[in-house]
Amino acid sequence: MPNGLTRLTEPMVREDGELRVATWEEALDRAADGLRAATERHGGTGVGLFSCSKATNEMNFAAQKFFRQALGSNNIDSCNRT
């Protein structure tokens, strides 16, 4: 961790095998690009969603709706069974 901290306080991206501090815009753009590339390469089977049972029903519903409608994926699971 940077500066000896035990918790990240700003986004980081990997560049040439090393992590470096990035802006939120850059980090989110990279995440979106990776999601887009996976769905373009493999369709809905290229991505998956694991949701949390501690989230609200509304949040889990919105997440699964996004994955099914926007990304075309039925690869959705949660830790509700534990």
N, C-alpha and C. Protein backbone atom coordinates (compact mmCIF):
# COMPACT_ATOMS: atom_id res chain seq x y z
N MET A 1 0.83 -1.18 0.00
CA MET A 1 0.00 0.00 0.00
C MET A 1 0.88 1.25 0.00
N PRO A 2 0.40 2.29 -0.67
CA PRO A 2 1.17 3.52 -0.68
C PRO A 2 1.25 4.15 0.71
N ASN A 3 2.36 4.75 1.01
CA ASN A 3 2.55 5.49 2.27
C ASN A 3 2.34 4.64 3.51
N GLY A 4 2.45 3.31 3.40
CA GLY A 4 2.31 2.45 4.56
C GLY A 4 0.90 2.32 5.09
N LEU A 5 -0.09 2.83 4.35
CA LEU A 5 -1.47 2.73 4.80
C LEU A 5 -1.98 1.30 4.66
N THR A 6 -2.97 0.94 5.43
CA THR A 6 -3.56 -0.39 5.32
C THR A 6 -4.86 -0.37 4.55
N ARG A 7 -5.26 0.80 4.10
CA ARG A 7 -6.51 0.94 3.37
C ARG A 7 -6.33 1.94 2.23
N LEU A 8 -6.86 1.59 1.07
CA LEU A 8 -6.77 2.51 -0.06
C LEU A 8 -7.68 3.71 0.16
N THR A 9 -7.19 4.87 -0.18
CA THR A 9 -8.00 6.09 -0.05
C THR A 9 -8.21 6.79 -1.38
N GLU A 10 -7.61 6.25 -2.42
CA GLU A 10 -7.79 6.80 -3.77
C GLU A 10 -7.66 5.66 -4.77
N PRO A 11 -8.24 5.82 -5.95
CA PRO A 11 -8.20 4.73 -6.93
C PRO A 11 -6.79 4.48 -7.44
N MET A 12 -6.54 3.24 -7.82
CA MET A 12 -5.26 2.86 -8.38
C MET A 12 -5.50 2.04 -9.64
N VAL A 13 -4.59 2.15 -10.60
CA VAL A 13 -4.66 1.37 -11.83
C VAL A 13 -3.31 0.70 -12.04
N ARG A 14 -3.34 -0.41 -12.77
CA ARG A 14 -2.10 -1.13 -13.06
C ARG A 14 -1.56 -0.65 -14.40
N GLU A 15 -0.28 -0.28 -14.39
CA GLU A 15 0.40 0.17 -15.59
C GLU A 15 1.79 -0.46 -15.63
N ASP A 16 2.07 -1.21 -16.70
CA ASP A 16 3.34 -1.92 -16.83
C ASP A 16 3.60 -2.82 -15.63
N GLY A 17 2.54 -3.46 -15.13
CA GLY A 17 2.67 -4.40 -14.03
C GLY A 17 2.73 -3.78 -12.65
N GLU A 18 2.71 -2.48 -12.56
CA GLU A 18 2.79 -1.79 -11.27
C GLU A 18 1.53 -0.98 -11.02
N LEU A 19 1.12 -0.90 -9.76
CA LEU A 19 -0.02 -0.05 -9.40
C LEU A 19 0.43 1.38 -9.23
N ARG A 20 -0.42 2.29 -9.71
CA ARG A 20 -0.16 3.71 -9.52
C ARG A 20 -1.47 4.41 -9.20
N VAL A 21 -1.38 5.52 -8.52
CA VAL A 21 -2.55 6.32 -8.18
C VAL A 21 -3.14 6.91 -9.45
N ALA A 22 -4.47 6.92 -9.53
CA ALA A 22 -5.17 7.45 -10.70
C ALA A 22 -6.32 8.33 -10.24
N THR A 23 -6.87 9.08 -11.18
CA THR A 23 -8.08 9.84 -10.87
C THR A 23 -9.28 8.89 -10.91
N TRP A 24 -10.36 9.31 -10.29
CA TRP A 24 -11.58 8.49 -10.34
C TRP A 24 -12.04 8.33 -11.78
N GLU A 25 -11.95 9.39 -12.56
CA GLU A 25 -12.39 9.33 -13.95
C GLU A 25 -11.60 8.28 -14.73
N GLU A 26 -10.28 8.27 -14.57
CA GLU A 26 -9.46 7.28 -15.26
C GLU A 26 -9.78 5.86 -14.80
N ALA A 27 -9.90 5.67 -13.50
CA ALA A 27 -10.18 4.33 -12.97
C ALA A 27 -11.53 3.81 -13.45
N LEU A 28 -12.55 4.66 -13.43
CA LEU A 28 -13.87 4.23 -13.89
C LEU A 28 -13.90 4.00 -15.39
N ASP A 29 -13.17 4.84 -16.15
CA ASP A 29 -13.07 4.62 -17.59
C ASP A 29 -12.41 3.28 -17.90
N ARG A 30 -11.36 2.95 -17.17
CA ARG A 30 -10.70 1.66 -17.38
C ARG A 30 -11.62 0.49 -17.04
N ALA A 31 -12.36 0.62 -15.96
CA ALA A 31 -13.30 -0.45 -15.59
C ALA A 31 -14.38 -0.60 -16.66
N ALA A 32 -14.91 0.51 -17.14
CA ALA A 32 -15.94 0.46 -18.18
C ALA A 32 -15.37 -0.13 -19.47
N ASP A 33 -14.14 0.23 -19.82
CA ASP A 33 -13.51 -0.31 -21.02
C ASP A 33 -13.33 -1.82 -20.91
N GLY A 34 -12.92 -2.29 -19.74
CA GLY A 34 -12.74 -3.73 -19.53
C GLY A 34 -14.06 -4.48 -19.62
N LEU A 35 -15.11 -3.94 -19.04
CA LEU A 35 -16.44 -4.55 -19.12
C LEU A 35 -16.93 -4.58 -20.56
N ARG A 36 -16.73 -3.48 -21.27
CA ARG A 36 -17.13 -3.39 -22.67
C ARG A 36 -16.36 -4.41 -23.53
N ALA A 37 -15.06 -4.50 -23.32
CA ALA A 37 -14.24 -5.43 -24.09
C ALA A 37 -14.66 -6.88 -23.84
N ALA A 38 -14.95 -7.22 -22.60
CA ALA A 38 -15.35 -8.59 -22.27
C ALA A 38 -16.68 -8.94 -22.92
N THR A 39 -17.64 -8.02 -22.90
CA THR A 39 -18.94 -8.31 -23.51
C THR A 39 -18.86 -8.31 -25.03
N GLU A 40 -17.99 -7.48 -25.61
CA GLU A 40 -17.83 -7.51 -27.06
C GLU A 40 -17.15 -8.80 -27.51
N ARG A 41 -16.23 -9.29 -26.74
CA ARG A 41 -15.47 -10.49 -27.09
C ARG A 41 -16.28 -11.77 -26.85
N HIS A 42 -17.04 -11.81 -25.75
CA HIS A 42 -17.70 -13.05 -25.34
C HIS A 42 -19.21 -12.93 -25.16
N GLY A 43 -19.77 -11.78 -25.41
CA GLY A 43 -21.20 -11.59 -25.16
C GLY A 43 -21.48 -11.63 -23.67
N GLY A 44 -22.70 -12.00 -23.31
CA GLY A 44 -23.11 -12.04 -21.91
C GLY A 44 -22.37 -13.07 -21.09
N THR A 45 -21.77 -14.09 -21.75
CA THR A 45 -21.05 -15.10 -20.98
C THR A 45 -19.68 -14.61 -20.51
N GLY A 46 -19.26 -13.45 -20.99
CA GLY A 46 -17.95 -12.92 -20.63
C GLY A 46 -17.92 -12.15 -19.33
N VAL A 47 -19.08 -11.90 -18.74
CA VAL A 47 -19.14 -11.13 -17.50
C VAL A 47 -20.09 -11.81 -16.52
N GLY A 48 -19.93 -11.48 -15.26
CA GLY A 48 -20.82 -12.01 -14.24
C GLY A 48 -20.97 -11.02 -13.11
N LEU A 49 -21.97 -11.23 -12.30
CA LEU A 49 -22.26 -10.34 -11.18
C LEU A 49 -22.42 -11.18 -9.93
N PHE A 50 -21.75 -10.80 -8.87
CA PHE A 50 -21.94 -11.42 -7.57
C PHE A 50 -22.42 -10.33 -6.64
N SER A 51 -23.66 -10.44 -6.18
CA SER A 51 -24.23 -9.39 -5.35
C SER A 51 -24.19 -9.81 -3.88
N CYS A 52 -24.44 -8.86 -3.03
CA CYS A 52 -24.34 -9.08 -1.58
C CYS A 52 -25.73 -9.12 -0.94
N SER A 53 -25.91 -10.07 -0.05
CA SER A 53 -27.19 -10.19 0.64
C SER A 53 -27.40 -9.04 1.62
N LYS A 54 -26.36 -8.31 1.96
CA LYS A 54 -26.50 -7.18 2.88
C LYS A 54 -26.98 -5.93 2.16
N ALA A 55 -26.94 -5.93 0.83
CA ALA A 55 -27.48 -4.81 0.07
C ALA A 55 -29.00 -4.86 0.11
N THR A 56 -29.64 -3.76 -0.19
CA THR A 56 -31.10 -3.75 -0.19
C THR A 56 -31.64 -4.56 -1.36
N ASN A 57 -32.86 -5.00 -1.25
CA ASN A 57 -33.51 -5.70 -2.36
C ASN A 57 -33.52 -4.81 -3.61
N GLU A 58 -33.76 -3.52 -3.41
CA GLU A 58 -33.82 -2.59 -4.53
C GLU A 58 -32.46 -2.49 -5.23
N MET A 59 -31.38 -2.45 -4.46
CA MET A 59 -30.03 -2.36 -5.05
C MET A 59 -29.72 -3.65 -5.82
N ASN A 60 -30.02 -4.80 -5.24
CA ASN A 60 -29.78 -6.07 -5.94
C ASN A 60 -30.65 -6.17 -7.19
N PHE A 61 -31.88 -5.70 -7.13
CA PHE A 61 -32.75 -5.73 -8.30
C PHE A 61 -32.18 -4.85 -9.41
N ALA A 62 -31.74 -3.64 -9.06
CA ALA A 62 -31.18 -2.73 -10.06
C ALA A 62 -29.91 -3.32 -10.69
N ALA A 63 -29.08 -3.95 -9.87
CA ALA A 63 -27.84 -4.55 -10.39
C ALA A 63 -28.14 -5.68 -11.35
N GLN A 64 -29.05 -6.59 -10.98
CA GLN A 64 -29.36 -7.71 -11.87
C GLN A 64 -30.08 -7.23 -13.12
N LYS A 65 -30.90 -6.20 -13.01
CA LYS A 65 -31.58 -5.64 -14.19
C LYS A 65 -30.56 -5.06 -15.16
N PHE A 66 -29.57 -4.34 -14.63
CA PHE A 66 -28.51 -3.78 -15.48
C PHE A 66 -27.74 -4.90 -16.18
N PHE A 67 -27.34 -5.93 -15.44
CA PHE A 67 -26.57 -7.01 -16.05
C PHE A 67 -27.38 -7.74 -17.11
N ARG A 68 -28.66 -7.94 -16.86
CA ARG A 68 -29.47 -8.66 -17.84
C ARG A 68 -29.78 -7.81 -19.06
N GLN A 69 -30.17 -6.57 -18.85
CA GLN A 69 -30.60 -5.71 -19.95
C GLN A 69 -29.44 -5.07 -20.70
N ALA A 70 -28.52 -4.46 -19.98
CA ALA A 70 -27.44 -3.72 -20.62
C ALA A 70 -26.31 -4.62 -21.12
N LEU A 71 -26.00 -5.67 -20.37
CA LEU A 71 -24.86 -6.51 -20.73
C LEU A 71 -25.27 -7.86 -21.30
N GLY A 72 -26.55 -8.19 -21.23
CA GLY A 72 -27.03 -9.45 -21.79
C GLY A 72 -26.53 -10.68 -21.06
N SER A 73 -26.31 -10.55 -19.76
CA SER A 73 -25.75 -11.66 -18.98
C SER A 73 -26.77 -12.20 -17.99
N ASN A 74 -26.84 -13.52 -17.91
CA ASN A 74 -27.62 -14.17 -16.86
C ASN A 74 -26.71 -14.75 -15.79
N ASN A 75 -25.42 -14.42 -15.85
CA ASN A 75 -24.44 -14.92 -14.88
C ASN A 75 -24.51 -14.05 -13.62
N ILE A 76 -25.52 -14.32 -12.80
CA ILE A 76 -25.76 -13.52 -11.61
C ILE A 76 -25.92 -14.46 -10.43
N ASP A 77 -25.21 -14.16 -9.34
CA ASP A 77 -25.31 -14.97 -8.14
C ASP A 77 -25.18 -14.05 -6.93
N SER A 78 -25.45 -14.58 -5.77
CA SER A 78 -25.30 -13.80 -4.55
C SER A 78 -24.93 -14.73 -3.40
N CYS A 79 -24.62 -14.12 -2.28
CA CYS A 79 -24.24 -14.90 -1.10
C CYS A 79 -25.46 -15.12 -0.19
N ASN A 80 -26.66 -15.04 -0.73
CA ASN A 80 -27.86 -15.19 0.07
C ASN A 80 -27.98 -16.55 0.75
N ARG A 81 -27.31 -17.55 0.20
CA ARG A 81 -27.42 -18.90 0.74
C ARG A 81 -26.60 -19.10 2.00
N THR A 82 -25.69 -18.19 2.31
CA THR A 82 -24.79 -18.42 3.44
C THR A 82 -25.38 -17.94 4.73
